[in-house]
Amino acid sequence: MLTLLDDCDPVQADIYNRHFYAGTMTPAVMAATKGNIAPWMASLTFGGPDLSHRLPGQSDGYHDSVFHAPLAGLPMSHWSATGLGLVKMSARIHG
């Protein structure tokens, strides 16, 4: 397994896991577990000219986190080599 992003406080993760497995999870416990780099990350998009940038999509609406990863993603099946998807993602990272 290759970890590309670990935005977790180990103490909060332990509290979260204890509540999850005990069946005592609450919204307050979940809210206390969010990270600092990509809070409430819900998805991960591959972007940039070589698809090696990661753009976390977050359920709280915050979209300012971008990081480079050692492994490139694959283009979406509906993108062409010069398709708008690659251009939009590159513009979002570089502009």
N, C-alpha and C. Protein backbone atom coordinates (compact mmCIF):
# COMPACT_ATOMS: atom_id res chain seq x y z
N MET A 1 0.85 -1.17 0.00
CA MET A 1 0.00 0.00 0.00
C MET A 1 0.90 1.24 0.00
N LEU A 2 0.52 2.23 -0.80
CA LEU A 2 1.23 3.50 -0.89
C LEU A 2 0.32 4.59 -0.36
N THR A 3 0.72 5.26 0.70
CA THR A 3 -0.06 6.35 1.26
C THR A 3 0.36 7.64 0.59
N LEU A 4 -0.57 8.31 -0.09
CA LEU A 4 -0.29 9.56 -0.78
C LEU A 4 -0.62 10.77 0.08
N LEU A 5 -1.58 10.64 0.98
CA LEU A 5 -1.97 11.75 1.84
C LEU A 5 -2.48 11.18 3.15
N ASP A 6 -1.90 11.64 4.24
CA ASP A 6 -2.37 11.25 5.56
C ASP A 6 -2.64 12.53 6.32
N ASP A 7 -3.88 12.92 6.38
CA ASP A 7 -4.30 14.16 7.03
C ASP A 7 -5.10 13.82 8.27
N CYS A 8 -4.48 13.08 9.16
CA CYS A 8 -5.22 12.54 10.29
C CYS A 8 -4.46 12.77 11.59
N ASP A 9 -5.18 13.17 12.59
CA ASP A 9 -4.63 13.26 13.94
C ASP A 9 -4.82 11.87 14.56
N PRO A 10 -3.73 11.18 14.90
CA PRO A 10 -3.85 9.81 15.42
C PRO A 10 -4.74 9.69 16.66
N VAL A 11 -4.73 10.69 17.52
CA VAL A 11 -5.57 10.65 18.72
C VAL A 11 -7.05 10.70 18.31
N GLN A 12 -7.40 11.63 17.41
CA GLN A 12 -8.79 11.73 16.97
C GLN A 12 -9.21 10.48 16.20
N ALA A 13 -8.30 9.92 15.41
CA ALA A 13 -8.62 8.68 14.67
C ALA A 13 -8.92 7.55 15.63
N ASP A 14 -8.19 7.46 16.73
CA ASP A 14 -8.45 6.42 17.72
C ASP A 14 -9.81 6.61 18.37
N ILE A 15 -10.14 7.86 18.71
CA ILE A 15 -11.46 8.15 19.30
C ILE A 15 -12.57 7.78 18.31
N TYR A 16 -12.38 8.19 17.05
CA TYR A 16 -13.35 7.87 16.00
C TYR A 16 -13.54 6.36 15.88
N ASN A 17 -12.44 5.62 15.80
CA ASN A 17 -12.54 4.16 15.64
C ASN A 17 -13.22 3.50 16.82
N ARG A 18 -12.93 3.95 18.03
CA ARG A 18 -13.60 3.36 19.20
C ARG A 18 -15.11 3.58 19.15
N HIS A 19 -15.53 4.79 18.78
CA HIS A 19 -16.97 5.07 18.67
C HIS A 19 -17.60 4.29 17.51
N PHE A 20 -16.88 4.21 16.40
CA PHE A 20 -17.42 3.50 15.23
C PHE A 20 -17.69 2.03 15.58
N TYR A 21 -16.70 1.35 16.16
CA TYR A 21 -16.85 -0.08 16.45
C TYR A 21 -17.76 -0.35 17.63
N ALA A 22 -17.94 0.64 18.51
CA ALA A 22 -18.86 0.47 19.64
C ALA A 22 -20.30 0.81 19.26
N GLY A 23 -20.48 1.39 18.06
CA GLY A 23 -21.83 1.78 17.65
C GLY A 23 -22.31 3.04 18.34
N THR A 24 -21.39 3.87 18.81
CA THR A 24 -21.76 5.08 19.54
C THR A 24 -21.36 6.36 18.80
N MET A 25 -21.20 6.26 17.49
CA MET A 25 -20.77 7.41 16.68
C MET A 25 -21.80 8.53 16.74
N THR A 26 -21.29 9.77 16.82
CA THR A 26 -22.15 10.95 16.81
C THR A 26 -21.58 11.95 15.79
N PRO A 27 -22.40 12.89 15.34
CA PRO A 27 -21.87 13.93 14.45
C PRO A 27 -20.71 14.72 15.07
N ALA A 28 -20.74 14.92 16.37
CA ALA A 28 -19.67 15.66 17.04
C ALA A 28 -18.34 14.91 16.96
N VAL A 29 -18.38 13.60 17.14
CA VAL A 29 -17.15 12.80 17.03
C VAL A 29 -16.63 12.87 15.60
N MET A 30 -17.52 12.75 14.63
CA MET A 30 -17.10 12.83 13.23
C MET A 30 -16.50 14.20 12.92
N ALA A 31 -17.11 15.27 13.39
CA ALA A 31 -16.63 16.63 13.11
C ALA A 31 -15.24 16.87 13.70
N ALA A 32 -14.96 16.27 14.84
CA ALA A 32 -13.67 16.46 15.50
C ALA A 32 -12.54 15.72 14.77
N THR A 33 -12.89 14.86 13.84
CA THR A 33 -11.90 14.03 13.17
C THR A 33 -11.36 14.64 11.89
N LYS A 34 -11.95 15.73 11.41
CA LYS A 34 -11.51 16.29 10.12
C LYS A 34 -10.04 16.71 10.17
N GLY A 35 -9.40 16.64 9.00
CA GLY A 35 -7.99 16.99 8.91
C GLY A 35 -7.76 18.46 8.70
N ASN A 36 -6.50 18.83 8.51
CA ASN A 36 -6.12 20.23 8.30
C ASN A 36 -5.79 20.53 6.84
N ILE A 37 -5.28 19.55 6.11
CA ILE A 37 -4.89 19.76 4.72
C ILE A 37 -6.10 19.62 3.80
N ALA A 38 -6.86 18.58 3.98
CA ALA A 38 -8.02 18.31 3.15
C ALA A 38 -9.18 17.87 4.03
N PRO A 39 -9.74 18.80 4.81
CA PRO A 39 -10.84 18.42 5.70
C PRO A 39 -12.05 17.92 4.93
N TRP A 40 -12.63 16.85 5.41
CA TRP A 40 -13.82 16.26 4.82
C TRP A 40 -13.62 15.82 3.37
N MET A 41 -12.44 15.27 3.06
CA MET A 41 -12.16 14.82 1.71
C MET A 41 -13.14 13.72 1.31
N ALA A 42 -13.77 13.90 0.16
CA ALA A 42 -14.78 12.95 -0.32
C ALA A 42 -14.37 12.28 -1.63
N SER A 43 -13.43 12.86 -2.36
CA SER A 43 -12.99 12.28 -3.63
C SER A 43 -11.59 12.78 -3.94
N LEU A 44 -10.98 12.17 -4.96
CA LEU A 44 -9.64 12.56 -5.36
C LEU A 44 -9.59 12.58 -6.88
N THR A 45 -9.24 13.73 -7.45
CA THR A 45 -9.17 13.90 -8.89
C THR A 45 -7.72 13.96 -9.32
N PHE A 46 -7.41 13.36 -10.45
CA PHE A 46 -6.08 13.42 -11.03
C PHE A 46 -6.05 14.58 -12.01
N GLY A 47 -5.06 15.48 -11.91
CA GLY A 47 -5.01 16.64 -12.78
C GLY A 47 -3.60 16.99 -13.19
N GLY A 48 -3.48 18.09 -13.91
CA GLY A 48 -2.20 18.54 -14.42
C GLY A 48 -1.88 17.91 -15.76
N PRO A 49 -0.86 18.43 -16.43
CA PRO A 49 -0.52 17.94 -17.78
C PRO A 49 -0.22 16.45 -17.83
N ASP A 50 0.39 15.92 -16.76
CA ASP A 50 0.73 14.50 -16.74
C ASP A 50 -0.12 13.70 -15.75
N LEU A 51 -1.18 14.30 -15.25
CA LEU A 51 -2.11 13.68 -14.29
C LEU A 51 -1.42 13.20 -13.02
N SER A 52 -0.36 13.91 -12.60
CA SER A 52 0.33 13.53 -11.36
C SER A 52 -0.04 14.44 -10.19
N HIS A 53 -0.90 15.42 -10.43
CA HIS A 53 -1.39 16.26 -9.34
C HIS A 53 -2.67 15.67 -8.79
N ARG A 54 -2.86 15.80 -7.50
CA ARG A 54 -4.08 15.32 -6.85
C ARG A 54 -4.85 16.52 -6.35
N LEU A 55 -6.14 16.53 -6.64
CA LEU A 55 -7.02 17.60 -6.20
C LEU A 55 -8.13 16.99 -5.37
N PRO A 56 -8.03 17.07 -4.05
CA PRO A 56 -9.07 16.49 -3.20
C PRO A 56 -10.38 17.26 -3.32
N GLY A 57 -11.46 16.55 -3.57
CA GLY A 57 -12.80 17.13 -3.53
C GLY A 57 -13.33 16.95 -2.13
N GLN A 58 -13.87 18.03 -1.55
CA GLN A 58 -14.25 17.96 -0.16
C GLN A 58 -15.71 18.33 0.05
N SER A 59 -16.34 17.59 0.91
CA SER A 59 -17.77 17.76 1.12
C SER A 59 -18.12 19.05 1.86
N ASP A 60 -17.12 19.77 2.37
CA ASP A 60 -17.42 21.06 3.02
C ASP A 60 -17.29 22.23 2.05
N GLY A 61 -17.01 21.94 0.77
CA GLY A 61 -16.94 22.97 -0.25
C GLY A 61 -15.58 23.61 -0.41
N TYR A 62 -14.61 23.26 0.42
CA TYR A 62 -13.27 23.84 0.36
C TYR A 62 -12.45 23.07 -0.67
N HIS A 63 -11.91 23.76 -1.68
CA HIS A 63 -11.21 23.07 -2.77
C HIS A 63 -9.85 23.71 -3.06
N ASP A 64 -9.07 24.00 -2.05
CA ASP A 64 -7.81 24.70 -2.25
C ASP A 64 -6.58 23.81 -2.10
N SER A 65 -6.76 22.53 -1.88
CA SER A 65 -5.63 21.63 -1.67
C SER A 65 -5.24 20.96 -2.97
N VAL A 66 -3.96 21.06 -3.32
CA VAL A 66 -3.40 20.37 -4.48
C VAL A 66 -2.05 19.82 -4.07
N PHE A 67 -1.77 18.58 -4.41
CA PHE A 67 -0.45 18.05 -4.11
C PHE A 67 0.01 17.14 -5.24
N HIS A 68 1.33 17.00 -5.37
CA HIS A 68 1.93 16.17 -6.40
C HIS A 68 2.14 14.78 -5.83
N ALA A 69 1.86 13.77 -6.62
CA ALA A 69 2.06 12.39 -6.20
C ALA A 69 3.02 11.68 -7.15
N PRO A 70 3.74 10.68 -6.67
CA PRO A 70 4.73 10.00 -7.50
C PRO A 70 4.13 9.12 -8.61
N LEU A 71 2.87 8.82 -8.51
CA LEU A 71 2.20 8.00 -9.53
C LEU A 71 1.16 8.82 -10.27
N ALA A 72 1.21 8.80 -11.59
CA ALA A 72 0.22 9.53 -12.39
C ALA A 72 -1.06 8.74 -12.50
N GLY A 73 -2.17 9.45 -12.62
CA GLY A 73 -3.46 8.81 -12.84
C GLY A 73 -3.66 8.53 -14.32
N LEU A 74 -4.74 7.90 -14.64
CA LEU A 74 -5.11 7.62 -16.02
C LEU A 74 -6.18 8.61 -16.46
N PRO A 75 -6.17 8.99 -17.74
CA PRO A 75 -7.21 9.90 -18.23
C PRO A 75 -8.59 9.23 -18.13
N MET A 76 -9.60 10.04 -17.96
CA MET A 76 -10.97 9.53 -17.96
C MET A 76 -11.25 8.92 -19.33
N SER A 77 -12.07 7.92 -19.37
CA SER A 77 -12.33 7.21 -20.63
C SER A 77 -12.98 8.10 -21.68
N HIS A 78 -13.67 9.15 -21.26
CA HIS A 78 -14.34 10.03 -22.22
C HIS A 78 -13.48 11.22 -22.65
N TRP A 79 -12.24 11.33 -22.15
CA TRP A 79 -11.34 12.39 -22.57
C TRP A 79 -10.58 11.97 -23.82
N SER A 80 -10.33 12.92 -24.69
CA SER A 80 -9.39 12.66 -25.79
C SER A 80 -8.03 13.20 -25.35
N ALA A 81 -6.99 12.92 -26.11
CA ALA A 81 -5.64 13.36 -25.73
C ALA A 81 -5.57 14.88 -25.57
N THR A 82 -6.36 15.62 -26.32
CA THR A 82 -6.37 17.07 -26.18
C THR A 82 -7.73 17.55 -25.67
N GLY A 83 -8.43 16.67 -25.00
CA GLY A 83 -9.79 16.98 -24.54
C GLY A 83 -9.84 18.07 -23.49
N LEU A 84 -11.03 18.60 -23.29
CA LEU A 84 -11.22 19.69 -22.34
C LEU A 84 -10.89 19.30 -20.91
N GLY A 85 -11.09 18.03 -20.56
CA GLY A 85 -10.80 17.61 -19.19
C GLY A 85 -9.37 17.89 -18.79
N LEU A 86 -8.41 17.52 -19.63
CA LEU A 86 -7.01 17.75 -19.31
C LEU A 86 -6.69 19.24 -19.29
N VAL A 87 -7.26 19.99 -20.20
CA VAL A 87 -7.01 21.43 -20.26
C VAL A 87 -7.57 22.10 -19.01
N LYS A 88 -8.79 21.75 -18.62
CA LYS A 88 -9.41 22.37 -17.44
C LYS A 88 -8.61 22.06 -16.18
N MET A 89 -8.19 20.79 -16.01
CA MET A 89 -7.46 20.43 -14.82
C MET A 89 -6.12 21.14 -14.78
N SER A 90 -5.43 21.25 -15.92
CA SER A 90 -4.16 21.95 -15.98
C SER A 90 -4.34 23.42 -15.64
N ALA A 91 -5.38 24.04 -16.15
CA ALA A 91 -5.64 25.45 -15.87
C ALA A 91 -5.94 25.65 -14.40
N ARG A 92 -6.64 24.72 -13.79
CA ARG A 92 -7.00 24.85 -12.39
C ARG A 92 -5.75 24.79 -11.50
N ILE A 93 -4.79 23.97 -11.88
CA ILE A 93 -3.58 23.82 -11.08
C ILE A 93 -2.62 24.99 -11.33
N HIS A 94 -2.46 25.36 -12.58
CA HIS A 94 -1.44 26.34 -12.95
C HIS A 94 -1.96 27.76 -13.09
N GLY A 95 -3.24 27.96 -13.04
CA GLY A 95 -3.75 29.32 -13.26
C GLY A 95 -4.72 29.65 -12.28
